[in-house]
Amino acid sequence: MHQSIVVCAKAVALLSRTQPSILSKYLPVSVGADGNCLFRSVSLSLFGNEDCHLVLRALTVVQVCTHPERYDESAPDCVNPLLYVKEIVVPVYSDLCHEIAGISQSCDITAVLALSYVIGYPIHTFWPPLNGSLYQQPLTQQLVGRGVSKSEQPVNLMWSTSQHVPLSRAVVMDHFVPLFEKCDVDDVLNARSSGSRKRKPLCSDNGAAECDVVVLDSSSSIDRYDDDDVLHPTSSVCRKRKKVYIHTAGRMHSVGESMHTAELV
């Protein structure tokens, strides 16, 4: 095992209990368990580090808040494919927007669908069969964002836990980790020096290029807008100028207007 890759011991314990054959091909890799694990996992998969997790989260906010027709389950023209999975309860749109926009807030599977669109790749999520079922778990899904090719190599994620894994009894599933194929580890390590893995650039046509994303600390407030700004009451998106504001505790960040130049400052 390469010392530069830290295997997630809790995910290994979970797989050993539920489906140990997965471990013969895949490695569950450790990421920070701070509520940003979905975006940390995808950042690590794409770029070989977790550093881009806030940028990915901000771009997902833009995607969800500016395209209610894709994610608002109450919209008559909603095209969210998860609506047709009867075992999955899609959250109310306002709750979804606030959930994704909250730094360190955990996210549900709808956020994974939006994130697939942001990165331009399918995202496969694997839910370990805790109850020993012979049937595929509802949260084991291949999520393909609008316009994303199903033939692209997916990013593999595993639903896991940040807590103790008992030998029996229930497990609190509150965490995501990336699943790397063992033959793919060197590619991940090389990405740490090159800045990205052997994948195409992030999509540039998803609408985020027209948006300004600003992350404000918890003491800040948004109380002034230009006359041509129209604030969406549930998503904090100014519709005409497409500004997205995200609150977090701590320092202020801003994300650049282009998918290709987005950076934290």
Protein backbone atom coordinates (compact mmCIF):
# COMPACT_ATOMS: atom_id res chain seq x y z
CA MET A 1 0.00 0.00 0.00
CA HIS A 2 1.44 3.38 -0.99
CA GLN A 3 2.03 5.51 2.07
CA SER A 4 0.72 8.64 0.33
CA ILE A 5 -2.79 7.22 0.18
CA VAL A 6 -4.64 6.97 3.50
CA VAL A 7 -7.20 4.19 3.48
CA CYS A 8 -10.38 4.90 5.44
CA ALA A 9 -10.37 2.27 8.20
CA LYS A 10 -14.07 2.74 8.99
CA ALA A 11 -15.07 2.23 5.38
CA VAL A 12 -12.88 -0.86 5.23
CA ALA A 13 -14.58 -2.20 8.36
CA LEU A 14 -17.98 -1.46 6.83
CA LEU A 15 -17.11 -3.24 3.58
CA SER A 16 -15.58 -6.17 5.46
CA ARG A 17 -18.90 -6.59 7.24
CA THR A 18 -21.20 -6.12 4.23
CA GLN A 19 -19.43 -6.85 0.92
CA PRO A 20 -15.75 -7.76 1.35
CA SER A 21 -15.30 -8.61 -2.33
CA ILE A 22 -15.27 -4.87 -3.07
CA LEU A 23 -11.94 -4.61 -1.24
CA SER A 24 -10.24 -6.90 -3.74
CA LYS A 25 -10.58 -4.20 -6.42
CA TYR A 26 -11.23 -0.89 -4.67
CA LEU A 27 -9.69 1.18 -1.89
CA PRO A 28 -11.91 3.47 0.19
CA VAL A 29 -9.77 6.55 0.76
CA SER A 30 -9.99 8.81 3.79
CA VAL A 31 -11.25 12.41 3.45
CA GLY A 32 -12.17 15.04 6.01
CA ALA A 33 -15.40 14.33 7.90
CA ASP A 34 -16.54 17.93 8.34
CA GLY A 35 -19.80 17.99 6.41
CA ASN A 36 -17.99 18.71 3.14
CA CYS A 37 -17.08 15.06 2.50
CA LEU A 38 -19.04 14.79 -0.77
CA PHE A 39 -17.09 17.65 -2.33
CA ARG A 40 -13.81 16.60 -0.72
CA SER A 41 -14.24 13.11 -2.19
CA VAL A 42 -14.86 14.43 -5.69
CA SER A 43 -11.98 16.92 -5.41
CA LEU A 44 -9.64 14.11 -4.39
CA SER A 45 -10.88 11.93 -7.24
CA LEU A 46 -10.38 14.64 -9.87
CA PHE A 47 -7.35 16.55 -8.66
CA GLY A 48 -5.52 14.25 -6.24
CA ASN A 49 -6.26 16.50 -3.24
CA GLU A 50 -9.22 17.90 -1.30
CA ASP A 51 -8.34 21.56 -1.84
CA CYS A 52 -11.07 22.32 -4.40
CA HIS A 53 -13.98 21.15 -2.26
CA LEU A 54 -15.31 24.67 -1.57
CA VAL A 55 -15.12 25.65 -5.25
CA LEU A 56 -17.01 22.48 -6.22
CA ARG A 57 -19.62 23.19 -3.56
CA ALA A 58 -20.07 26.78 -4.73
CA LEU A 59 -20.51 25.70 -8.35
CA THR A 60 -23.07 23.11 -7.24
CA VAL A 61 -24.96 25.88 -5.44
CA VAL A 62 -25.01 27.85 -8.69
CA GLN A 63 -26.30 24.83 -10.62
CA VAL A 64 -29.11 24.01 -8.18
CA CYS A 65 -30.23 27.56 -7.40
CA THR A 66 -30.32 28.78 -11.00
CA HIS A 67 -32.04 25.69 -12.44
CA PRO A 68 -35.12 24.92 -10.33
CA GLU A 69 -36.65 23.06 -13.26
CA ARG A 70 -34.02 20.35 -12.71
CA TYR A 71 -34.18 20.09 -8.92
CA ASP A 72 -37.47 21.57 -7.61
CA GLU A 73 -39.72 18.56 -7.12
CA SER A 74 -42.79 20.82 -6.99
CA ALA A 75 -42.15 22.35 -10.41
CA PRO A 76 -44.55 20.95 -13.04
CA ASP A 77 -41.72 20.63 -15.56
CA CYS A 78 -39.14 19.16 -13.14
CA VAL A 79 -36.79 16.74 -14.87
CA ASN A 80 -35.07 15.33 -11.79
CA PRO A 81 -34.66 11.58 -12.53
CA LEU A 82 -34.63 10.78 -8.80
CA LEU A 83 -38.34 11.58 -8.68
CA TYR A 84 -38.91 8.19 -10.33
CA VAL A 85 -37.05 6.20 -7.65
CA LYS A 86 -39.86 5.49 -5.22
CA GLU A 87 -37.56 4.66 -2.30
CA ILE A 88 -35.87 8.09 -2.46
CA VAL A 89 -37.55 11.15 -0.95
CA VAL A 90 -36.41 14.25 -2.83
CA PRO A 91 -36.07 17.23 -0.46
CA VAL A 92 -38.15 20.39 -0.72
CA TYR A 93 -36.36 22.80 -3.05
CA SER A 94 -35.83 25.53 -0.46
CA ASP A 95 -34.33 23.01 1.96
CA LEU A 96 -32.11 21.64 -0.79
CA CYS A 97 -30.77 25.12 -1.64
CA HIS A 98 -29.98 25.95 1.98
CA GLU A 99 -28.43 22.52 2.55
CA ILE A 100 -26.03 22.77 -0.37
CA ALA A 101 -25.22 26.44 0.32
CA GLY A 102 -24.30 25.77 3.93
CA ILE A 103 -20.60 25.14 4.40
CA SER A 104 -20.10 21.94 6.41
CA GLN A 105 -23.75 20.95 5.84
CA SER A 106 -24.18 17.36 4.77
CA CYS A 107 -25.90 16.85 1.41
CA ASP A 108 -28.25 14.27 0.00
CA ILE A 109 -28.19 12.41 -3.30
CA THR A 110 -29.75 15.30 -5.24
CA ALA A 111 -26.56 17.27 -4.63
CA VAL A 112 -24.62 14.39 -6.18
CA LEU A 113 -26.73 14.68 -9.34
CA ALA A 114 -26.01 18.43 -9.58
CA LEU A 115 -22.32 17.86 -8.89
CA SER A 116 -22.15 15.41 -11.80
CA TYR A 117 -23.27 18.23 -14.08
CA VAL A 118 -20.66 20.58 -12.60
CA ILE A 119 -17.72 18.23 -13.17
CA GLY A 120 -18.92 16.74 -16.46
CA TYR A 121 -18.69 13.10 -15.32
CA PRO A 122 -21.14 10.51 -14.01
CA ILE A 123 -20.91 9.86 -10.28
CA HIS A 124 -21.52 6.32 -9.05
CA THR A 125 -22.57 6.04 -5.41
CA PHE A 126 -22.35 2.70 -3.62
CA TRP A 127 -24.43 1.97 -0.53
CA PRO A 128 -23.15 -1.09 1.38
CA PRO A 129 -25.97 -3.67 1.82
CA LEU A 130 -26.20 -3.46 5.61
CA ASN A 131 -29.24 -5.71 5.81
CA GLY A 132 -27.79 -8.44 3.61
CA SER A 133 -30.35 -7.80 0.88
CA LEU A 134 -29.97 -9.52 -2.47
CA TYR A 135 -31.37 -6.46 -4.21
CA GLN A 136 -29.60 -3.25 -5.21
CA GLN A 137 -29.90 -0.55 -2.59
CA PRO A 138 -31.83 2.58 -3.71
CA LEU A 139 -28.85 4.83 -2.93
CA THR A 140 -26.55 2.75 -5.10
CA GLN A 141 -26.99 4.88 -8.19
CA GLN A 142 -25.19 5.97 -11.33
CA LEU A 143 -26.02 9.69 -11.38
CA VAL A 144 -25.57 11.44 -14.70
CA GLY A 145 -26.04 15.19 -14.85
CA ARG A 146 -27.82 16.81 -17.77
CA GLY A 147 -25.63 16.77 -20.86
CA VAL A 148 -23.06 14.42 -19.28
CA SER A 149 -22.16 11.37 -21.35
CA LYS A 150 -22.89 8.03 -19.71
CA SER A 151 -19.80 6.65 -21.44
CA GLU A 152 -17.45 8.87 -19.44
CA GLN A 153 -15.45 7.22 -16.66
CA PRO A 154 -17.48 7.76 -13.47
CA VAL A 155 -16.27 9.11 -10.17
CA ASN A 156 -16.88 6.33 -7.62
CA LEU A 157 -18.09 7.24 -4.15
CA MET A 158 -19.14 5.14 -1.20
CA TRP A 159 -21.72 5.99 1.45
CA SER A 160 -19.88 5.38 4.71
CA THR A 161 -19.73 6.49 8.33
CA SER A 162 -17.58 8.78 10.47
CA GLN A 163 -18.50 6.75 13.54
CA HIS A 164 -17.63 3.38 14.99
CA VAL A 165 -18.57 0.34 12.90
CA PRO A 166 -19.93 -2.45 15.14
CA LEU A 167 -19.76 -6.08 14.13
CA SER A 168 -23.54 -6.13 14.08
CA ARG A 169 -26.42 -3.69 14.67
CA ALA A 170 -27.15 -0.46 12.84
CA VAL A 171 -24.52 1.87 11.40
CA VAL A 172 -24.98 5.64 11.17
CA MET A 173 -24.35 6.44 7.50
CA ASP A 174 -23.18 10.06 7.59
CA HIS A 175 -20.12 10.23 5.36
CA PHE A 176 -18.84 9.91 1.78
CA VAL A 177 -15.45 8.52 0.76
CA PRO A 178 -14.00 8.03 -2.73
CA LEU A 179 -13.46 4.51 -4.01
CA PHE A 180 -10.27 4.20 -6.04
CA GLU A 181 -9.49 1.20 -8.15
CA LYS A 182 -6.24 -0.28 -6.90
CA CYS A 183 -4.73 -0.03 -10.37
CA ASP A 184 -5.62 3.69 -10.39
CA VAL A 185 -3.69 4.75 -7.28
CA ASP A 186 -0.60 5.90 -9.19
CA ASP A 187 -2.79 8.15 -11.34
CA VAL A 188 -4.14 9.81 -8.19
CA LEU A 189 -0.66 10.33 -6.79
CA ASN A 190 0.59 11.82 -10.05
CA ALA A 191 -2.32 14.25 -9.99
CA ARG A 192 -0.97 15.78 -6.79
CA SER A 193 2.03 17.08 -8.68
CA SER A 194 0.30 17.89 -11.98
CA GLY A 195 -2.83 19.52 -10.56
CA SER A 196 -5.43 17.23 -12.14
CA ARG A 197 -6.03 13.68 -13.23
CA LYS A 198 -6.27 12.48 -16.82
CA ARG A 199 -9.75 13.84 -17.37
CA LYS A 200 -11.18 16.59 -19.53
CA PRO A 201 -11.62 20.10 -18.04
CA LEU A 202 -14.68 20.97 -16.01
CA CYS A 203 -17.73 21.77 -18.11
CA SER A 204 -17.82 25.40 -19.21
CA ASP A 205 -21.40 25.49 -20.47
CA ASN A 206 -23.31 24.80 -17.27
CA GLY A 207 -24.28 28.37 -16.52
CA ALA A 208 -21.75 28.88 -13.75
CA ALA A 209 -19.56 31.03 -15.97
CA GLU A 210 -22.24 33.71 -15.83
CA CYS A 211 -22.40 33.75 -12.05
CA ASP A 212 -20.50 35.42 -9.23
CA VAL A 213 -20.28 33.29 -6.10
CA VAL A 214 -19.40 35.01 -2.83
CA VAL A 215 -18.96 33.22 0.48
CA LEU A 216 -19.67 35.49 3.44
CA ASP A 217 -18.78 34.99 7.06
CA SER A 218 -21.59 34.43 9.56
CA SER A 219 -21.52 38.06 10.79
CA SER A 220 -22.22 39.47 7.33
CA SER A 221 -25.63 40.21 5.92
CA ILE A 222 -27.03 40.74 2.45
CA ASP A 223 -29.25 43.82 2.71
CA ARG A 224 -28.55 45.86 -0.43
CA TYR A 225 -29.03 45.01 -4.10
CA ASP A 226 -28.98 46.98 -7.31
CA ASP A 227 -32.36 47.73 -8.87
CA ASP A 228 -31.93 45.04 -11.48
CA ASP A 229 -31.16 42.33 -8.92
CA VAL A 230 -34.06 40.03 -8.05
CA LEU A 231 -33.40 37.93 -4.97
CA HIS A 232 -34.86 34.44 -5.03
CA PRO A 233 -36.56 34.09 -1.62
CA THR A 234 -35.37 30.54 -0.96
CA SER A 235 -32.02 30.26 -2.66
CA SER A 236 -30.30 33.64 -2.17
CA VAL A 237 -29.76 33.93 -5.91
CA CYS A 238 -30.09 37.27 -7.65
CA ARG A 239 -31.85 36.10 -10.79
CA LYS A 240 -30.83 38.75 -13.31
CA ARG A 241 -27.22 39.22 -12.29
CA LYS A 242 -26.92 35.67 -11.03
CA LYS A 243 -24.98 36.30 -7.85
CA VAL A 244 -24.89 33.50 -5.31
CA TYR A 245 -24.03 34.17 -1.67
CA ILE A 246 -22.96 31.46 0.75
CA HIS A 247 -22.56 31.96 4.50
CA THR A 248 -19.81 30.31 6.50
CA ALA A 249 -18.12 30.92 9.81
CA GLY A 250 -14.68 32.43 9.41
CA ARG A 251 -12.95 34.36 6.66
CA MET A 252 -14.51 35.67 3.49
CA HIS A 253 -13.96 33.88 0.20
CA SER A 254 -14.94 34.65 -3.34
CA VAL A 255 -15.08 32.37 -6.34
CA GLY A 256 -14.15 33.61 -9.80
CA GLU A 257 -16.77 33.99 -12.49
CA SER A 258 -15.31 31.35 -14.81
CA MET A 259 -15.31 27.61 -14.29
CA HIS A 260 -11.76 27.53 -15.55
CA THR A 261 -10.38 30.29 -13.31
CA ALA A 262 -12.36 29.69 -10.12
CA GLU A 263 -10.17 30.00 -7.06
CA LEU A 264 -10.46 30.83 -3.38
CA VAL A 265 -8.99 34.13 -2.22
